[in-house]
Structure formats: C-alpha cells, structure tokens
C-alpha atoms as a PDB file:
ATOM      1  CA  MET A   1     107.485 107.979 122.153  1.00  0.00           C
ATOM      2  CA  SER A   2     105.448 110.969 120.986  1.00  0.00           C
ATOM      3  CA  GLN A   3     104.829 113.984 123.173  1.00  0.00           C
ATOM      4  CA  PRO A   4     101.228 114.864 124.132  1.00  0.00           C
ATOM      5  CA  SER A   5      99.755 117.727 122.124  1.00  0.00           C
ATOM      6  CA  GLN A   6      98.320 119.321 125.283  1.00  0.00           C
ATOM      7  CA  SER A   7      99.692 119.825 128.738  1.00  0.00           C
ATOM      8  CA  PHE A   8      97.652 118.543 131.666  1.00  0.00           C
ATOM      9  CA  ASP A   9      96.503 122.086 132.477  1.00  0.00           C
ATOM     10  CA  GLU A  10      95.242 122.533 128.900  1.00  0.00           C
ATOM     11  CA  MET A  11      93.074 119.402 128.888  1.00  0.00           C
ATOM     12  CA  VAL A  12      89.301 119.867 128.869  1.00  0.00           C
ATOM     13  CA  ARG A  13      87.490 119.145 132.135  1.00  0.00           C
ATOM     14  CA  TYR A  14      84.092 117.489 131.705  1.00  0.00           C
ATOM     15  CA  ILE A  15      81.225 117.122 134.155  1.00  0.00           C
ATOM     16  CA  ARG A  16      77.980 115.207 134.082  1.00  0.00           C
ATOM     17  CA  VAL A  17      75.505 116.001 136.858  1.00  0.00           C
ATOM     18  CA  ARG A  18      73.736 112.890 138.168  1.00  0.00           C
ATOM     19  CA  SER A  19      71.674 114.326 141.046  1.00  0.00           C
ATOM     20  CA  GLU A  20      68.280 116.024 141.011  1.00  0.00           C
ATOM     21  CA  PRO A  21      68.267 119.856 140.844  1.00  0.00           C
ATOM     22  CA  ASP A  22      66.959 120.267 144.416  1.00  0.00           C
ATOM     23  CA  ALA A  23      69.250 117.671 146.033  1.00  0.00           C
ATOM     24  CA  ARG A  24      71.233 118.578 149.142  1.00  0.00           C
ATOM     25  CA  PHE A  25      74.470 117.599 147.378  1.00  0.00           C
ATOM     26  CA  VAL A  26      75.368 117.792 143.691  1.00  0.00           C
ATOM     27  CA  GLU A  27      76.467 114.328 142.574  1.00  0.00           C
ATOM     28  CA  PHE A  28      78.473 114.411 139.368  1.00  0.00           C
ATOM     29  CA  ASP A  29      81.044 112.686 137.192  1.00  0.00           C
ATOM     30  CA  PHE A  30      84.293 114.579 136.592  1.00  0.00           C
ATOM     31  CA  ALA A  31      86.733 113.767 133.796  1.00  0.00           C
ATOM     32  CA  ILE A  32      89.922 115.363 132.528  1.00  0.00           C
ATOM     33  CA  GLY A  33      90.762 114.971 128.860  1.00  0.00           C
ATOM     34  CA  HIS A  34      88.657 111.855 128.243  1.00  0.00           C
ATOM     35  CA  PRO A  35      84.960 111.939 129.204  1.00  0.00           C
ATOM     36  CA  ASP A  36      84.795 108.138 129.509  1.00  0.00           C
ATOM     37  CA  LEU A  37      87.428 108.045 132.291  1.00  0.00           C
ATOM     38  CA  PHE A  38      85.830 109.797 135.242  1.00  0.00           C
ATOM     39  CA  VAL A  39      85.491 109.904 139.010  1.00  0.00           C
ATOM     40  CA  GLU A  40      82.209 110.262 140.866  1.00  0.00           C
ATOM     41  CA  LEU A  41      82.092 113.234 143.221  1.00  0.00           C
ATOM     42  CA  ALA A  42      79.560 114.955 145.491  1.00  0.00           C
ATOM     43  CA  LEU A  43      79.704 118.544 146.727  1.00  0.00           C
ATOM     44  CA  PRO A  44      77.321 121.052 148.331  1.00  0.00           C
ATOM     45  CA  PRO A  45      75.844 123.357 145.644  1.00  0.00           C
ATOM     46  CA  GLY A  46      78.049 126.352 146.492  1.00  0.00           C
ATOM     47  CA  ALA A  47      81.228 124.289 146.442  1.00  0.00           C
ATOM     48  CA  PHE A  48      80.102 122.671 143.171  1.00  0.00           C
ATOM     49  CA  GLU A  49      79.711 126.091 141.525  1.00  0.00           C
ATOM     50  CA  GLN A  50      83.170 127.108 142.730  1.00  0.00           C
ATOM     51  CA  PHE A  51      84.629 123.784 141.526  1.00  0.00           C
ATOM     52  CA  CYS A  52      83.119 124.320 138.058  1.00  0.00           C
ATOM     53  CA  LYS A  53      84.457 127.886 137.792  1.00  0.00           C
ATOM     54  CA  HIS A  54      87.919 126.901 138.995  1.00  0.00           C
ATOM     55  CA  ASN A  55      88.156 124.010 136.505  1.00  0.00           C
ATOM     56  CA  HIS A  56      86.449 125.804 133.571  1.00  0.00           C
ATOM     57  CA  VAL A  57      84.302 122.708 133.083  1.00  0.00           C
ATOM     58  CA  VAL A  58      82.382 121.663 129.998  1.00  0.00           C
ATOM     59  CA  HIS A  59      78.996 120.048 130.611  1.00  0.00           C
ATOM     60  CA  MET A  60      78.687 116.803 128.682  1.00  0.00           C
ATOM     61  CA  ASP A  61      75.991 116.928 126.018  1.00  0.00           C
ATOM     62  CA  GLU A  62      73.456 114.153 125.351  1.00  0.00           C
ATOM     63  CA  GLU A  63      75.526 112.525 122.604  1.00  0.00           C
ATOM     64  CA  MET A  64      78.646 112.436 124.752  1.00  0.00           C
ATOM     65  CA  CYS A  65      76.636 110.926 127.645  1.00  0.00           C
ATOM     66  CA  ARG A  66      75.199 108.285 125.310  1.00  0.00           C
ATOM     67  CA  LEU A  67      78.675 107.304 124.093  1.00  0.00           C
ATOM     68  CA  VAL A  68      80.050 107.096 127.647  1.00  0.00           C
ATOM     69  CA  ASP A  69      77.081 104.953 128.730  1.00  0.00           C
ATOM     70  CA  ALA A  70      77.548 102.630 125.744  1.00  0.00           C
ATOM     71  CA  ASP A  71      81.234 102.248 126.587  1.00  0.00           C
ATOM     72  CA  MET A  72      80.359 101.427 130.215  1.00  0.00           C
ATOM     73  CA  VAL A  73      78.004  98.664 129.028  1.00  0.00           C
ATOM     74  CA  LYS A  74      80.756  97.260 126.815  1.00  0.00           C
ATOM     75  CA  TRP A  75      83.226  97.070 129.698  1.00  0.00           C
ATOM     76  CA  ARG A  76      80.675  95.689 132.147  1.00  0.00           C
ATOM     77  CA  PHE A  77      79.140  93.024 129.907  1.00  0.00           C
ATOM     78  CA  GLY A  78      81.862  92.376 127.316  1.00  0.00           C
ATOM     79  CA  GLU A  79      80.033  93.405 124.145  1.00  0.00           C
ATOM     80  CA  LYS A  80      79.450  96.846 122.746  1.00  0.00           C
ATOM     81  CA  GLY A  81      75.937  98.013 123.530  1.00  0.00           C
ATOM     82  CA  ARG A  82      74.722  94.598 124.755  1.00  0.00           C
ATOM     83  CA  ARG A  83      73.813  93.490 128.239  1.00  0.00           C
END
C-alpha cells in the first residue's frame, strides 16, 4: 500500500458559498483534499470569516464548481451529465 503524498494537515481546504451575500448565515460547502467530497455547513458571518482564516481555505472557481455539479448529477441519476 502506498503512502499518501500529503499529510491531512497539508491537504487543501475548499469552500463554495451557497448563500446570498446579505443572508443572516453563510451557507457553504466545505471539502478537504477533494472538492467533490464535501459537507454542507452554515455559520454566522463573523464565525465564517474566522473559519476560513483558520483553515486557509481556497474558494472554488467556476470550473471546479461545474465539475463538482456534473459529478453530483452522475451519482444522482446514473449517467455523467444526464438527468
């Protein structure tokens, strides 16, 4: 069995904000190492900012979001990119 090239602490942390900018809570997806394996979280804005600083997060770009969405469709409906 091969050893991972990165330790858990070295893995990139990704976020994707889902809520509107003026929402009471920031709703977002959070992933470690693999942007397509995430948890959905919600925090007040101040706590969200602290969370992002503590985890040194990377905001997912449009292409990464598109790929994650396409993968979700594949797992939900059984075919890549088809509903």
